[in-house]
Amino acid sequence: MTEPKPYIEFQDVCKAFGSNKVLDHVSFNVWPGETLCILGRSGVGKSVSLHHIMGFLKPDSGHVWVAYEDITDYGEPDLERIRKKVTMVFQNGALFDSLSVGENVAFPLRERGDLDEQQIFQVVDGLLEMVGVRAMRDLLPSDLSTGMKRSVAIARALAAQPEAVLYDEPTTMVDPLMAQLLGDLIKKLKFQLKLTSVVVTHDMRLAEKLADRIVFLHEGRAVFCGTPQEMTDSDEPIVRQFLKLDELDSDQFRHPGTEPGQQPEA
């Protein structure tokens, strides 16, 4: 019987930009159908990790496996083949400004070339319905809020029928209600489509909602890898500090005007 293999794997990956070591011997894996959250404060290499998975960046040393293939030394033709299986939802949505919402989602379907216009129309409507923005089909991206753009970007990513989706800070710069809706959407897609997912975030509540496992990056190193509950129970000082600060930030957000640790008035 064949041993199961991770769908994505970092093996001792190092990456520096000049003297700034962004990834320092980082190793982790993502199993098929699993949602892994890469967690940590800003500037610790979370988005850089996603760019390695997509092949936009190459490691200085170590190996990156994606879709069961070692892509470390792949050229652009092989990377294009991998990107048909693995797609990314960027922070800014990366939508085509001159195309309507519906045309943006239709773009990867037309690229495939195996559907007629009626079929494309049906698939687009179904995807927009799935992510809750069907009423915005004929609007331009400039007419949408940041959160709505992310929803459309998710629909476009799904149109490519990928095996895995990477999400770069999906709840950054959106209001709490939209953040909750986006988190619920990503969770729904996980169960409906059985996708392998990697979610980069600094939001512990989102990680708790979505993650099967969490990798916590600090100063370029993976200082923790485990389930959300194992992270909550971790004795690692950096992890404890992050959780404490996250809790204080959350209290401040829920009760503006209170000092950290101060109880709000009843």
Protein backbone atom coordinates (compact mmCIF):
# COMPACT_ATOMS: atom_id res chain seq x y z
CA MET A 1 0.00 0.00 0.00
CA THR A 2 1.37 3.43 -1.00
CA GLU A 3 2.23 5.80 1.85
CA PRO A 4 0.12 8.99 1.74
CA LYS A 5 2.09 12.08 0.75
CA PRO A 6 1.63 15.76 1.61
CA TYR A 7 0.10 17.85 -1.18
CA ILE A 8 2.43 20.76 -0.29
CA GLU A 9 5.70 20.53 1.60
CA PHE A 10 8.48 22.90 2.64
CA GLN A 11 11.73 21.08 3.33
CA ASP A 12 14.27 23.22 5.22
CA VAL A 13 13.50 26.33 3.12
CA CYS A 14 15.68 29.43 3.44
CA LYS A 15 15.04 32.78 1.72
CA ALA A 16 16.79 36.11 2.23
CA PHE A 17 16.44 39.50 0.59
CA GLY A 18 19.86 41.06 1.02
CA SER A 19 20.74 40.81 4.71
CA ASN A 20 17.12 40.22 5.71
CA LYS A 21 16.59 36.48 6.32
CA VAL A 22 12.82 36.05 5.79
CA LEU A 23 12.59 32.25 5.93
CA ASP A 24 15.17 30.47 8.07
CA HIS A 25 15.16 26.67 7.63
CA VAL A 26 11.35 26.46 7.55
CA SER A 27 9.71 23.03 7.24
CA PHE A 28 5.99 22.18 7.20
CA ASN A 29 3.52 20.21 5.11
CA VAL A 30 -0.12 20.34 4.02
CA TRP A 31 -2.09 17.13 3.52
CA PRO A 32 -4.68 16.69 0.75
CA GLY A 33 -7.99 18.24 1.80
CA GLU A 34 -6.42 19.94 4.83
CA THR A 35 -6.59 23.63 5.74
CA LEU A 36 -3.29 24.92 7.09
CA CYS A 37 -3.11 28.44 8.53
CA ILE A 38 0.23 30.25 8.51
CA LEU A 39 0.02 32.60 11.48
CA GLY A 40 2.26 35.34 12.82
CA ARG A 41 2.77 39.08 13.07
CA SER A 42 3.47 41.23 10.01
CA GLY A 43 6.76 40.74 8.20
CA VAL A 44 7.57 37.21 9.41
CA GLY A 45 7.51 35.51 5.99
CA LYS A 46 3.86 34.43 5.74
CA SER A 47 3.13 35.88 2.28
CA VAL A 48 6.64 34.99 1.11
CA SER A 49 5.76 31.36 1.88
CA LEU A 50 2.72 31.57 -0.41
CA HIS A 51 4.84 33.06 -3.19
CA HIS A 52 7.17 30.07 -2.92
CA ILE A 53 4.22 27.68 -3.25
CA MET A 54 3.11 29.52 -6.42
CA GLY A 55 6.66 29.52 -7.79
CA PHE A 56 6.83 33.34 -7.89
CA LEU A 57 9.89 33.07 -5.63
CA LYS A 58 12.54 30.36 -5.39
CA PRO A 59 14.26 29.32 -2.16
CA ASP A 60 17.93 30.08 -1.60
CA SER A 61 18.18 26.56 -0.20
CA GLY A 62 15.81 23.72 0.65
CA HIS A 63 12.97 22.28 -1.41
CA VAL A 64 9.34 23.19 -2.11
CA TRP A 65 6.91 20.44 -3.14
CA VAL A 66 3.52 21.34 -4.63
CA ALA A 67 0.89 18.96 -6.05
CA TYR A 68 3.28 16.09 -5.11
CA GLU A 69 6.06 17.55 -7.34
CA ASP A 70 9.37 19.15 -6.36
CA ILE A 71 8.94 22.57 -8.03
CA THR A 72 12.15 24.07 -6.61
CA ASP A 73 13.97 24.22 -9.95
CA TYR A 74 10.93 24.31 -12.27
CA GLY A 75 10.90 26.75 -15.17
CA GLU A 76 7.85 28.78 -16.17
CA PRO A 77 6.18 26.15 -18.42
CA ASP A 78 6.10 23.58 -15.59
CA LEU A 79 5.04 26.23 -13.06
CA GLU A 80 2.13 27.22 -15.34
CA ARG A 81 1.02 23.58 -15.28
CA ILE A 82 1.17 23.53 -11.47
CA ARG A 83 -0.76 26.83 -11.27
CA LYS A 84 -3.66 25.16 -13.05
CA LYS A 85 -3.95 22.97 -9.94
CA VAL A 86 -3.09 25.58 -7.29
CA THR A 87 -4.50 29.10 -7.38
CA MET A 88 -4.12 32.12 -5.12
CA VAL A 89 -6.54 34.74 -3.79
CA PHE A 90 -4.48 37.91 -3.41
CA GLN A 91 -5.09 40.58 -0.75
CA ASN A 92 -6.15 43.15 -3.34
CA GLY A 93 -8.26 40.63 -5.27
CA ALA A 94 -6.13 41.17 -8.42
CA LEU A 95 -9.30 41.55 -10.51
CA PHE A 96 -9.29 43.02 -14.03
CA ASP A 97 -10.53 46.60 -13.54
CA SER A 98 -12.03 46.89 -17.03
CA LEU A 99 -14.07 43.67 -16.78
CA SER A 100 -17.35 43.24 -14.92
CA VAL A 101 -17.60 40.89 -11.95
CA GLY A 102 -19.14 38.21 -14.18
CA GLU A 103 -16.48 38.63 -16.88
CA ASN A 104 -13.72 38.36 -14.26
CA VAL A 105 -15.07 35.02 -13.08
CA ALA A 106 -15.61 33.86 -16.67
CA PHE A 107 -11.99 34.61 -17.62
CA PRO A 108 -10.42 31.31 -16.45
CA LEU A 109 -13.37 29.39 -17.94
CA ARG A 110 -12.74 30.95 -21.36
CA GLU A 111 -9.02 30.24 -21.00
CA ARG A 112 -9.84 26.53 -20.71
CA GLY A 113 -11.71 26.63 -24.00
CA ASP A 114 -13.90 23.56 -23.38
CA LEU A 115 -17.21 25.32 -22.54
CA ASP A 116 -19.66 27.21 -24.73
CA GLU A 117 -21.00 30.63 -23.68
CA GLN A 118 -24.21 29.23 -22.19
CA GLN A 119 -22.26 26.80 -20.03
CA ILE A 120 -19.89 29.59 -18.94
CA PHE A 121 -22.87 31.77 -18.03
CA GLN A 122 -24.32 28.99 -15.87
CA VAL A 123 -21.03 28.24 -14.11
CA VAL A 124 -20.38 31.95 -13.42
CA ASP A 125 -23.86 32.41 -11.95
CA GLY A 126 -23.41 29.31 -9.78
CA LEU A 127 -20.03 30.48 -8.46
CA LEU A 128 -21.26 34.01 -7.73
CA GLU A 129 -24.25 32.51 -5.93
CA MET A 130 -21.93 30.28 -3.91
CA VAL A 131 -19.86 33.25 -2.67
CA GLY A 132 -22.90 35.48 -2.13
CA VAL A 133 -22.35 38.17 -4.79
CA ARG A 134 -24.59 37.10 -7.68
CA ALA A 135 -26.46 40.43 -7.58
CA MET A 136 -23.17 42.19 -8.44
CA ARG A 137 -22.56 40.24 -11.66
CA ASP A 138 -22.64 43.33 -13.94
CA LEU A 139 -20.75 45.74 -11.67
CA LEU A 140 -17.10 46.72 -12.13
CA PRO A 141 -14.54 45.96 -9.41
CA SER A 142 -14.32 49.71 -8.65
CA ASP A 143 -17.97 49.55 -7.52
CA LEU A 144 -17.19 46.93 -4.85
CA SER A 145 -15.95 47.09 -1.27
CA THR A 146 -12.66 45.39 -0.36
CA GLY A 147 -14.54 42.42 1.12
CA MET A 148 -16.76 42.00 -1.94
CA LYS A 149 -13.68 42.08 -4.20
CA ARG A 150 -12.22 39.22 -2.16
CA SER A 151 -15.45 37.23 -2.56
CA VAL A 152 -15.30 37.74 -6.35
CA ALA A 153 -11.61 36.79 -6.35
CA ILE A 154 -12.52 33.55 -4.55
CA ALA A 155 -15.20 32.82 -7.18
CA ARG A 156 -12.67 33.43 -9.96
CA ALA A 157 -10.14 31.16 -8.24
CA LEU A 158 -12.75 28.39 -8.03
CA ALA A 159 -13.64 28.81 -11.72
CA ALA A 160 -10.23 27.34 -12.54
CA GLN A 161 -11.34 24.11 -10.76
CA PRO A 162 -8.17 23.97 -8.66
CA GLU A 163 -7.09 21.24 -6.28
CA ALA A 164 -5.76 23.82 -3.80
CA VAL A 165 -6.43 27.48 -2.98
CA LEU A 166 -4.05 29.85 -1.21
CA TYR A 167 -5.53 32.84 0.65
CA ASP A 168 -3.31 35.83 1.49
CA GLU A 169 -4.71 37.69 4.55
CA PRO A 170 -8.36 37.27 3.46
CA THR A 171 -9.79 39.33 6.36
CA THR A 172 -7.29 42.21 6.39
CA MET A 173 -8.77 45.71 5.89
CA VAL A 174 -12.39 44.58 6.06
CA ASP A 175 -14.94 45.27 8.78
CA PRO A 176 -15.65 42.56 11.42
CA LEU A 177 -18.93 41.45 9.81
CA MET A 178 -17.32 41.02 6.38
CA ALA A 179 -14.37 39.23 8.01
CA GLN A 180 -16.81 36.78 9.59
CA LEU A 181 -18.63 36.25 6.27
CA LEU A 182 -15.36 35.61 4.41
CA GLY A 183 -14.26 33.16 7.11
CA ASP A 184 -17.60 31.34 6.89
CA LEU A 185 -17.29 31.23 3.08
CA ILE A 186 -13.79 29.72 3.14
CA LYS A 187 -14.96 27.16 5.70
CA LYS A 188 -18.00 26.25 3.58
CA LEU A 189 -15.84 25.76 0.49
CA LYS A 190 -13.51 23.48 2.45
CA PHE A 191 -16.34 21.11 3.29
CA GLN A 192 -18.26 21.37 0.00
CA LEU A 193 -15.33 21.09 -2.41
CA LYS A 194 -12.77 19.17 -0.28
CA LEU A 195 -10.08 21.63 -1.35
CA THR A 196 -6.59 21.73 0.06
CA SER A 197 -6.16 25.24 1.48
CA VAL A 198 -3.40 27.43 2.90
CA VAL A 199 -4.55 30.59 4.69
CA VAL A 200 -2.06 33.28 5.65
CA THR A 201 -3.39 35.42 8.51
CA HIS A 202 -2.51 37.24 11.72
CA ASP A 203 -6.10 36.74 12.97
CA MET A 204 -6.27 34.00 15.62
CA ARG A 205 -10.09 33.85 15.46
CA LEU A 206 -9.96 33.13 11.74
CA ALA A 207 -7.30 30.47 12.31
CA GLU A 208 -9.43 28.82 15.01
CA LYS A 209 -12.41 28.77 12.65
CA LEU A 210 -10.60 27.34 9.62
CA ALA A 211 -7.43 25.51 10.54
CA ASP A 212 -6.88 21.80 10.85
CA ARG A 213 -3.33 22.78 11.79
CA ILE A 214 -1.43 26.04 12.33
CA VAL A 215 2.18 26.92 11.52
CA PHE A 216 3.35 29.88 13.61
CA LEU A 217 6.23 31.89 12.11
CA HIS A 218 8.45 34.16 14.18
CA GLU A 219 11.59 35.89 12.90
CA GLY A 220 11.63 33.63 9.86
CA ARG A 221 11.39 30.37 11.78
CA ALA A 222 8.50 27.95 12.26
CA VAL A 223 8.36 27.93 16.08
CA PHE A 224 5.13 25.91 16.30
CA CYS A 225 3.10 23.49 14.17
CA GLY A 226 -0.04 21.79 15.46
CA THR A 227 -3.78 22.05 15.94
CA PRO A 228 -5.47 25.26 17.17
CA GLN A 229 -6.04 23.60 20.56
CA GLU A 230 -2.38 22.57 20.78
CA MET A 231 -1.42 26.17 20.02
CA THR A 232 -3.73 27.46 22.76
CA ASP A 233 -2.10 24.98 25.19
CA SER A 234 1.47 25.64 23.98
CA ASP A 235 4.19 26.63 26.47
CA GLU A 236 6.33 28.22 23.74
CA PRO A 237 6.99 31.77 25.08
CA ILE A 238 6.62 33.50 21.69
CA VAL A 239 3.30 31.74 21.07
CA ARG A 240 2.04 32.65 24.58
CA GLN A 241 3.01 36.27 23.97
CA PHE A 242 1.20 36.35 20.62
CA LEU A 243 -1.96 34.84 22.11
CA LYS A 244 -1.89 37.31 25.02
CA LEU A 245 -1.48 40.33 22.72
CA ASP A 246 -4.16 38.96 20.38
CA GLU A 247 -6.56 38.62 23.33
CA LEU A 248 -5.88 42.23 24.42
CA ASP A 249 -6.34 43.52 20.86
CA SER A 250 -9.63 41.63 20.64
CA ASP A 251 -10.87 43.08 23.94
CA GLN A 252 -9.93 46.58 22.81
CA PHE A 253 -11.83 46.10 19.56
CA ARG A 254 -14.95 44.77 21.30
CA HIS A 255 -14.86 47.49 23.99
CA PRO A 256 -13.19 50.61 22.53
CA GLY A 257 -12.08 53.12 25.13
CA THR A 258 -11.08 50.54 27.75
CA GLU A 259 -7.47 50.04 28.70
CA PRO A 260 -5.92 46.64 27.93
CA GLY A 261 -7.00 44.28 30.71
CA GLN A 262 -9.61 46.75 32.03
CA GLN A 263 -13.14 45.38 32.33
CA PRO A 264 -15.83 47.28 30.41
CA GLU A 265 -18.61 48.83 32.46
CA ALA A 266 -21.73 46.65 32.80
